[in-house]
Amino acid sequence: MEQGGGSQGGRPATASPRPRTSPRVAAAAAAPAAVRPWGDVFDNVLVTVSRFLRCRADRAQMACVNKHWHAAVTRQPPPPLPPLPALPPQLPWLIFPNTETPTFYSALTGRHHRCRLPPNARRGRLCGSGDGGWLILALNSSHAHALYNPNTGHSVPLPPGFTSQSDNEYPLVVRAATLSAAPSPNPYMVAAIVLVRSRSTAAFWSEGSDSWFTSGGFLTVRPQDVVYFEGAFYFLTIREGVISFRPGYGPNGSVNIHRVEYEVQKREDYDNDVAFVQGNGAVRRYLVVSRGRLLMVVRFVYDEMGTEMFRVFRFRVTVPFLRKPLAIWEHVGDQLDGRMLFLGPGCSRSFEVAQYDGFQDHESMIFYLDESFDSVPSADGRRLYSFIDMGRYSMVDMTSVAWPPGDHPTRSDNAPPTWWLH
């Protein structure tokens, strides 16, 4: 019998049955194995997911998925950055005003920087400065004035008018000014030497006032400087007289000012000082608060040679409880005992040399600014301010050197230099 591979035992052979497979399963089997996308999730995503796992066991299971997940959810947070070191004690910056490119100089670093001011501040005339970076500006010929802080960009408008004791309103021009404190919700006041009806006098403004005002009428002698000291504004006259104005603040924004005129004994060498430059120059005076005392610095400026000498005096009240307390100016000698003085109308300051690295050789030094006009006006007829007669004076050697060093402007088209108490 013929043998065949297709049958056995007389029955035809059949093929083994194959399992049925759906097209979707078949396609998945034929495709290459896909990489699971959760294996390399970004750390920040894993950390975000872990925030929704409130049970520690759930977070432990999450950490067991793979090494990457484990590292992401169990790692320690990075150490915090160290705090910024505190700035060392600062010195005033010297502003060189200009309507186009104002600059300032840092005595700590010896560097000049551009002073970025908005157009109205660049065009304004600097009248003084106060702690916290505030500048007092005369903005335009319409008697507009303002407080402006270059650090924050904040400004406080000041009124253009002055109200006299008889309630008459007059325009005014601010010559020099200072503040009792930086503007804030707490009461503060601006005190200024102003020109009203061709007379130089003291004027004040406080938050909410519609105009400048004074107390006790106009000053009878022209003031030269003003400073805030122990709760009162002190004005110094060209005859070295002293008048203090102590503000008091009542309810609903009311303000009252207590005025005291001191009977200052004329010092023995006063006439000699005045005669020293009589007809050949001028004497300028500044008030400086130093170590809890009020100082007067007398500056001798010659027409041809500029600043030649300084003398420093201490204010002392000898008989206080009078309608006009008695007082004298005491000469402090030829040393400042570890201090250096920065002089400017309405913004003079005293600093301890020991607090400033690199300034040990500046003991008994006086830094002064040029407050004079240039003899040649600008092309459009404006007065130019000079930056020539400024320097550093040694009380010990009685000599001056040019300051600040380096290349700086020699004149301004709108204002004298001033200290920025930043």
Protein backbone atom coordinates (compact mmCIF):
# COMPACT_ATOMS: atom_id res chain seq x y z
CA MET A 1 0.00 0.00 0.00
CA GLU A 2 1.33 3.30 -0.99
CA GLN A 3 2.53 5.37 2.05
CA GLY A 4 1.45 9.01 2.34
CA GLY A 5 2.26 11.70 4.85
CA GLY A 6 -1.25 13.03 4.86
CA SER A 7 -3.08 10.23 6.67
CA GLN A 8 -2.75 7.96 9.61
CA GLY A 9 -4.85 4.99 10.47
CA GLY A 10 -6.91 5.43 7.42
CA ARG A 11 -8.00 9.00 8.42
CA PRO A 12 -6.89 12.09 6.62
CA ALA A 13 -4.34 14.34 8.50
CA THR A 14 -5.41 17.85 9.73
CA ALA A 15 -3.34 21.01 10.74
CA SER A 16 -3.01 22.17 14.43
CA PRO A 17 -5.49 24.95 15.28
CA ARG A 18 -4.02 28.49 15.73
CA PRO A 19 -5.30 30.99 18.35
CA ARG A 20 -7.42 33.78 16.98
CA THR A 21 -5.82 37.26 17.31
CA SER A 22 -7.59 40.61 16.91
CA PRO A 23 -6.10 43.08 14.45
CA ARG A 24 -5.39 45.58 17.25
CA VAL A 25 -3.46 43.05 19.32
CA ALA A 26 -1.60 41.89 16.24
CA ALA A 27 -0.57 45.42 15.38
CA ALA A 28 0.64 46.01 18.91
CA ALA A 29 2.67 42.83 18.85
CA ALA A 30 4.22 43.72 15.52
CA ALA A 31 5.22 47.22 16.65
CA PRO A 32 8.50 47.65 18.51
CA ALA A 33 8.22 47.91 22.23
CA ALA A 34 7.56 51.57 23.17
CA VAL A 35 9.71 53.26 25.84
CA ARG A 36 7.68 54.13 28.91
CA PRO A 37 7.51 57.97 29.08
CA TRP A 38 7.35 58.21 32.90
CA GLY A 39 10.86 56.99 33.51
CA ASP A 40 12.59 60.30 32.85
CA VAL A 41 10.08 62.88 34.03
CA PHE A 42 11.58 66.22 34.99
CA ASP A 43 12.35 66.66 38.67
CA ASN A 44 10.07 69.65 39.07
CA VAL A 45 7.11 67.62 37.73
CA LEU A 46 7.81 64.78 40.17
CA VAL A 47 8.10 67.20 43.07
CA THR A 48 4.78 68.78 42.06
CA VAL A 49 3.11 65.34 41.93
CA SER A 50 4.52 64.44 45.34
CA ARG A 51 2.70 67.42 46.86
CA PHE A 52 -0.59 65.60 46.24
CA LEU A 53 0.60 62.51 48.16
CA ARG A 54 -0.30 63.31 51.74
CA CYS A 55 0.66 59.92 53.20
CA ARG A 56 4.32 59.12 53.78
CA ALA A 57 3.75 55.53 52.56
CA ASP A 58 2.54 56.81 49.19
CA ARG A 59 5.62 58.90 48.82
CA ALA A 60 7.80 55.93 49.75
CA GLN A 61 6.16 53.86 47.01
CA MET A 62 6.68 56.66 44.55
CA ALA A 63 10.37 56.68 45.42
CA CYS A 64 10.59 52.95 44.59
CA VAL A 65 9.62 53.35 40.92
CA ASN A 66 13.21 53.84 39.78
CA LYS A 67 16.43 55.56 40.76
CA HIS A 68 15.49 58.79 39.05
CA TRP A 69 12.19 59.09 40.92
CA HIS A 70 13.90 58.14 44.15
CA ALA A 71 16.50 60.88 43.77
CA ALA A 72 13.88 63.46 42.86
CA VAL A 73 11.53 62.93 45.81
CA THR A 74 14.03 62.11 48.55
CA ARG A 75 16.77 64.65 47.84
CA GLN A 76 17.53 67.33 50.38
CA PRO A 77 16.70 70.92 49.40
CA PRO A 78 19.70 73.02 48.42
CA PRO A 79 21.19 75.11 51.22
CA PRO A 80 19.86 78.69 51.34
CA LEU A 81 22.03 81.42 49.92
CA PRO A 82 23.96 83.38 52.53
CA PRO A 83 22.46 86.80 53.31
CA LEU A 84 23.90 89.78 51.51
CA PRO A 85 26.58 91.44 53.62
CA ALA A 86 25.55 94.74 55.13
CA LEU A 87 26.83 97.83 53.39
CA PRO A 88 29.55 99.69 55.28
CA PRO A 89 28.71 103.20 56.50
CA GLN A 90 28.08 105.42 53.49
CA LEU A 91 29.31 108.89 52.59
CA PRO A 92 27.28 111.44 50.63
CA TRP A 93 27.47 111.32 46.85
CA LEU A 94 28.45 114.53 45.10
CA ILE A 95 25.98 115.49 42.36
CA PHE A 96 27.16 117.49 39.35
CA PRO A 97 23.88 118.85 37.95
CA ASN A 98 23.29 119.30 34.24
CA THR A 99 20.16 119.50 32.12
CA GLU A 100 21.53 116.86 29.73
CA THR A 101 23.96 114.50 31.49
CA PRO A 102 24.07 114.90 35.29
CA THR A 103 26.64 112.76 37.10
CA PHE A 104 27.61 111.96 40.67
CA TYR A 105 30.84 111.03 42.41
CA SER A 106 31.26 108.40 45.14
CA ALA A 107 33.97 109.26 47.66
CA LEU A 108 34.03 105.64 48.91
CA THR A 109 35.05 104.18 45.55
CA GLY A 110 36.51 107.23 43.83
CA ARG A 111 34.28 106.66 40.80
CA HIS A 112 32.01 108.87 38.72
CA HIS A 113 28.58 107.59 37.69
CA ARG A 114 25.79 108.80 35.48
CA CYS A 115 22.89 110.21 37.50
CA ARG A 116 19.70 109.00 35.83
CA LEU A 117 16.99 111.59 36.43
CA PRO A 118 13.72 112.33 34.63
CA PRO A 119 13.72 115.45 32.43
CA ASN A 120 11.96 117.73 34.94
CA ALA A 121 14.43 116.77 37.69
CA ARG A 122 17.41 117.26 35.37
CA ARG A 123 16.22 120.75 34.54
CA GLY A 124 15.50 121.62 38.19
CA ARG A 125 17.84 123.59 40.42
CA LEU A 126 19.04 121.67 43.47
CA CYS A 127 18.25 123.59 46.67
CA GLY A 128 19.36 121.02 49.25
CA SER A 129 18.87 117.42 50.30
CA GLY A 130 17.68 115.31 53.19
CA ASP A 131 18.38 111.89 54.64
CA GLY A 132 16.91 108.96 52.75
CA GLY A 133 17.91 110.25 49.33
CA TRP A 134 15.49 113.19 49.05
CA LEU A 135 16.38 116.24 46.97
CA ILE A 136 14.69 119.65 47.13
CA LEU A 137 14.22 121.03 43.61
CA ALA A 138 13.20 124.36 42.12
CA LEU A 139 11.55 123.12 38.93
CA ASN A 140 10.87 126.15 36.74
CA SER A 141 10.43 129.90 36.52
CA SER A 142 6.81 129.58 37.71
CA HIS A 143 8.05 129.04 41.28
CA ALA A 144 7.20 125.33 41.22
CA HIS A 145 9.19 123.26 43.71
CA ALA A 146 9.20 119.60 44.69
CA LEU A 147 10.81 116.93 46.80
CA TYR A 148 12.21 114.14 44.65
CA ASN A 149 13.84 110.82 45.53
CA PRO A 150 15.99 109.38 42.69
CA ASN A 151 16.18 106.03 44.51
CA THR A 152 12.43 105.41 44.32
CA GLY A 153 11.19 107.90 41.75
CA HIS A 154 8.71 109.29 44.27
CA SER A 155 8.05 113.02 44.35
CA VAL A 156 6.12 115.42 46.57
CA PRO A 157 4.96 118.70 44.99
CA LEU A 158 5.59 121.87 46.97
CA PRO A 159 3.45 125.01 46.65
CA PRO A 160 4.73 128.02 44.69
CA GLY A 161 3.45 130.67 47.09
CA PHE A 162 4.25 132.12 50.52
CA THR A 163 1.56 133.33 52.93
CA SER A 164 2.65 136.22 55.13
CA GLN A 165 1.54 136.87 58.70
CA SER A 166 -1.08 139.27 57.28
CA ASP A 167 -2.45 136.50 55.00
CA ASN A 168 -1.05 138.00 51.82
CA GLU A 169 0.12 135.57 49.16
CA TYR A 170 3.46 136.09 47.40
CA PRO A 171 5.58 134.01 45.02
CA LEU A 172 8.87 132.78 46.44
CA VAL A 173 12.23 131.41 45.36
CA VAL A 174 13.90 128.71 47.48
CA ARG A 175 17.63 129.29 47.98
CA ALA A 176 18.52 126.50 50.41
CA ALA A 177 16.38 123.92 52.20
CA THR A 178 16.41 120.89 54.45
CA LEU A 179 13.94 118.40 55.96
CA SER A 180 13.10 117.33 59.49
CA ALA A 181 12.71 113.73 58.29
CA ALA A 182 12.16 111.75 55.12
CA PRO A 183 8.59 112.06 53.78
CA SER A 184 6.33 109.41 55.31
CA PRO A 185 2.86 109.09 56.90
CA ASN A 186 4.42 110.57 60.04
CA PRO A 187 4.56 114.38 60.34
CA TYR A 188 7.55 116.01 58.69
CA MET A 189 8.47 119.53 57.63
CA VAL A 190 10.58 121.34 55.04
CA ALA A 191 12.46 124.45 56.15
CA ALA A 192 14.01 126.82 53.64
CA ILE A 193 15.83 130.07 53.12
CA VAL A 194 13.61 131.83 50.59
CA LEU A 195 13.46 135.05 48.67
CA VAL A 196 10.09 136.83 49.06
CA ARG A 197 9.51 140.38 47.83
CA SER A 198 13.29 140.82 47.45
CA ARG A 199 13.83 139.83 51.09
CA SER A 200 15.58 136.73 52.35
CA THR A 201 13.78 134.98 55.21
CA ALA A 202 12.78 131.63 56.72
CA ALA A 203 9.84 129.64 55.36
CA PHE A 204 8.26 126.29 56.18
CA TRP A 205 6.00 123.73 54.58
CA SER A 206 4.31 120.67 56.08
CA GLU A 207 2.16 117.94 54.54
CA GLY A 208 -1.27 119.30 53.67
CA SER A 209 -0.27 122.98 53.63
CA ASP A 210 -1.44 124.98 50.61
CA SER A 211 1.45 127.43 50.82
CA TRP A 212 4.72 128.14 52.59
CA PHE A 213 4.45 130.03 55.88
CA THR A 214 6.61 131.47 58.62
CA SER A 215 6.42 132.30 62.32
CA GLY A 216 6.93 135.71 63.86
CA GLY A 217 7.37 137.66 60.65
CA PHE A 218 10.32 138.10 58.33
CA LEU A 219 13.88 137.72 59.62
CA THR A 220 15.60 141.06 60.15
CA VAL A 221 19.06 139.75 59.15
CA ARG A 222 19.74 137.67 56.04
CA PRO A 223 20.12 133.94 56.81
CA GLN A 224 23.01 131.95 55.34
CA ASP A 225 22.26 128.35 56.32
CA VAL A 226 19.69 126.10 57.96
CA VAL A 227 19.93 122.73 59.72
CA TYR A 228 17.58 120.44 61.68
CA PHE A 229 18.90 119.74 65.18
CA GLU A 230 17.23 118.16 68.24
CA GLY A 231 13.68 118.72 67.03
CA ALA A 232 14.09 122.28 65.75
CA PHE A 233 15.29 124.11 62.66
CA TYR A 234 18.23 126.43 63.30
CA PHE A 235 18.94 129.36 60.99
CA LEU A 236 22.34 131.08 60.92
CA THR A 237 22.55 134.71 59.79
CA ILE A 238 25.34 136.63 58.09
CA ARG A 239 26.11 138.21 61.49
CA GLU A 240 26.37 134.77 63.12
CA GLY A 241 23.04 135.18 64.87
CA VAL A 242 20.90 132.10 65.56
CA ILE A 243 17.11 131.72 65.36
CA SER A 244 15.42 128.39 66.09
CA PHE A 245 11.96 127.24 64.99
CA ARG A 246 10.52 124.23 66.78
CA PRO A 247 7.50 122.67 65.00
CA GLY A 248 4.60 121.14 66.88
CA TYR A 249 1.89 119.03 65.26
CA GLY A 250 -1.70 119.10 66.47
CA PRO A 251 -4.91 117.32 65.46
CA ASN A 252 -6.29 117.47 61.92
CA GLY A 253 -2.92 118.42 60.47
CA SER A 254 -2.57 121.66 62.42
CA VAL A 255 0.96 122.98 62.89
CA ASN A 256 2.41 125.51 65.29
CA ILE A 257 6.00 126.74 65.42
CA HIS A 258 7.79 128.07 68.49
CA ARG A 259 10.36 130.70 67.52
CA VAL A 260 13.39 131.56 69.66
CA GLU A 261 15.93 134.26 68.80
CA TYR A 262 19.22 133.85 70.66
CA GLU A 263 21.24 136.78 71.93
CA VAL A 264 24.61 135.68 70.57
CA GLN A 265 27.61 137.50 71.99
CA LYS A 266 29.85 138.77 69.21
CA ARG A 267 33.12 136.91 69.35
CA GLU A 268 36.28 138.98 69.85
CA ASP A 269 37.81 138.14 66.47
CA TYR A 270 34.60 138.62 64.46
CA ASP A 271 35.59 142.03 63.11
CA ASN A 272 39.02 140.73 62.14
CA ASP A 273 37.46 137.86 60.20
CA VAL A 274 35.15 140.17 58.32
CA ALA A 275 37.92 142.67 57.57
CA PHE A 276 40.20 139.85 56.40
CA VAL A 277 38.43 139.64 53.06
CA GLN A 278 36.74 143.04 53.07
CA GLY A 279 36.51 144.18 49.48
CA ASN A 280 38.47 141.16 48.25
CA GLY A 281 36.03 138.30 48.72
CA ALA A 282 33.30 136.96 50.96
CA VAL A 283 32.69 135.01 54.15
CA ARG A 284 30.30 132.06 53.99
CA ARG A 285 28.97 130.20 56.98
CA TYR A 286 27.55 126.70 57.44
CA LEU A 287 25.78 124.86 60.25
CA VAL A 288 26.80 121.26 60.97
CA VAL A 289 25.50 118.86 63.61
CA SER A 290 28.41 116.87 65.04
CA ARG A 291 28.54 114.62 68.10
CA GLY A 292 25.36 116.11 69.49
CA ARG A 293 26.57 119.70 69.17
CA LEU A 294 25.89 122.51 66.73
CA LEU A 295 28.93 123.74 64.83
CA MET A 296 29.44 126.81 62.66
CA VAL A 297 32.06 126.58 59.91
CA VAL A 298 33.32 129.90 58.57
CA ARG A 299 34.74 129.85 55.03
CA PHE A 300 36.94 132.62 53.63
CA VAL A 301 36.63 132.98 49.85
CA TYR A 302 38.79 135.41 47.88
CA ASP A 303 37.68 136.80 44.55
CA GLU A 304 40.88 135.80 42.75
CA MET A 305 42.24 132.82 44.69
CA GLY A 306 39.04 131.13 45.80
CA THR A 307 38.73 129.40 49.18
CA GLU A 308 41.72 130.01 51.43
CA MET A 309 40.77 129.08 54.98
CA PHE A 310 38.16 127.62 57.34
CA ARG A 311 37.48 128.15 61.02
CA VAL A 312 35.15 126.01 63.16
CA PHE A 313 33.13 127.15 66.19
CA ARG A 314 30.86 125.39 68.68
CA PHE A 315 27.49 126.86 69.74
CA ARG A 316 26.99 127.07 73.49
CA VAL A 317 23.99 128.49 75.33
CA THR A 318 25.21 130.25 78.48
CA VAL A 319 21.90 131.47 79.95
CA PRO A 320 19.00 129.39 78.58
CA PHE A 321 15.87 130.49 80.43
CA LEU A 322 15.34 133.93 78.97
CA ARG A 323 13.06 135.31 76.28
CA LYS A 324 16.25 135.64 74.25
CA PRO A 325 18.65 132.99 75.61
CA LEU A 326 22.29 134.07 75.78
CA ALA A 327 24.81 132.13 73.69
CA ILE A 328 28.36 132.27 72.37
CA TRP A 329 30.46 130.73 69.59
CA GLU A 330 33.53 128.90 70.93
CA HIS A 331 36.50 128.27 68.66
CA VAL A 332 37.26 124.51 68.53
CA GLY A 333 40.91 124.92 67.49
CA ASP A 334 42.75 123.58 64.47
CA GLN A 335 41.66 119.93 64.71
CA LEU A 336 38.38 118.07 64.44
CA ASP A 337 39.39 115.16 66.71
CA GLY A 338 38.77 112.28 64.29
CA ARG A 339 36.01 113.90 62.23
CA MET A 340 35.62 115.03 58.64
CA LEU A 341 33.04 117.56 57.50
CA PHE A 342 31.11 117.75 54.23
CA LEU A 343 29.83 121.29 53.67
CA GLY A 344 26.88 122.44 51.58
CA PRO A 345 23.89 124.77 52.06
CA GLY A 346 21.16 122.88 53.88
CA CYS A 347 22.99 119.54 53.66
CA SER A 348 26.23 119.71 55.69
CA ARG A 349 27.18 116.55 57.56
CA SER A 350 29.87 115.32 59.98
CA PHE A 351 31.40 111.82 59.85
CA GLU A 352 33.74 109.82 62.07
CA VAL A 353 36.92 108.94 60.18
CA ALA A 354 37.37 105.68 62.13
CA GLN A 355 34.22 104.21 60.54
CA TYR A 356 35.57 104.43 56.98
CA ASP A 357 38.37 102.20 55.73
CA GLY A 358 40.88 104.09 53.66
CA PHE A 359 39.98 107.48 55.14
CA GLN A 360 42.35 107.45 58.11
CA ASP A 361 44.42 110.22 56.51
CA HIS A 362 41.29 112.38 56.11
CA GLU A 363 41.06 113.29 59.80
CA SER A 364 40.29 116.98 60.40
CA MET A 365 39.43 117.40 56.72
CA ILE A 366 36.69 119.67 55.34
CA PHE A 367 35.16 118.88 51.94
CA TYR A 368 33.65 121.96 50.31
CA LEU A 369 31.77 122.79 47.11
CA ASP A 370 31.70 125.65 44.64
CA GLU A 371 28.62 127.85 45.08
CA SER A 372 29.58 130.63 42.66
CA PHE A 373 28.38 131.65 39.23
CA ASP A 374 30.58 131.50 36.16
CA SER A 375 31.53 134.96 34.91
CA VAL A 376 30.58 134.03 31.34
CA PRO A 377 26.86 133.26 30.75
CA SER A 378 25.61 130.57 28.39
CA ALA A 379 24.82 131.24 24.74
CA ASP A 380 21.12 131.70 25.58
CA GLY A 381 21.86 134.10 28.43
CA ARG A 382 21.48 131.67 31.33
CA ARG A 383 23.77 131.87 34.33
CA LEU A 384 26.31 129.07 34.53
CA TYR A 385 27.44 127.57 37.82
CA SER A 386 31.13 126.93 38.39
CA PHE A 387 32.67 123.68 39.64
CA ILE A 388 36.16 125.14 40.10
CA ASP A 389 36.44 126.29 43.74
CA MET A 390 35.86 122.92 45.38
CA GLY A 391 38.30 120.79 47.30
CA ARG A 392 39.49 119.20 50.53
CA TYR A 393 40.88 121.43 53.28
CA SER A 394 43.20 120.23 56.06
CA MET A 395 42.55 121.92 59.39
CA VAL A 396 46.01 120.86 60.59
CA ASP A 397 48.06 122.06 57.61
CA MET A 398 45.66 124.88 56.68
CA THR A 399 45.99 123.92 53.02
CA SER A 400 43.57 122.81 50.30
CA VAL A 401 43.88 120.28 47.49
CA ALA A 402 41.60 119.92 44.49
CA TRP A 403 38.78 117.44 45.04
CA PRO A 404 37.30 115.24 43.76
CA PRO A 405 40.18 113.76 41.76
CA GLY A 406 39.88 112.74 38.15
CA ASP A 407 37.97 114.22 35.28
CA HIS A 408 34.71 115.90 36.27
CA PRO A 409 32.57 118.71 34.83
CA THR A 410 33.78 122.26 35.39
CA ARG A 411 30.41 124.01 35.13
CA SER A 412 26.67 123.43 35.13
CA ASP A 413 23.93 125.04 33.08
CA ASN A 414 21.31 124.95 35.85
CA ALA A 415 22.53 124.41 39.43
CA PRO A 416 25.53 124.31 41.77
CA PRO A 417 26.84 120.94 43.00
CA THR A 418 25.30 119.44 46.12
CA TRP A 419 25.58 116.43 48.42
CA TRP A 420 23.13 113.60 47.86
CA LEU A 421 22.37 112.02 51.26
CA HIS A 422 21.39 108.73 49.66
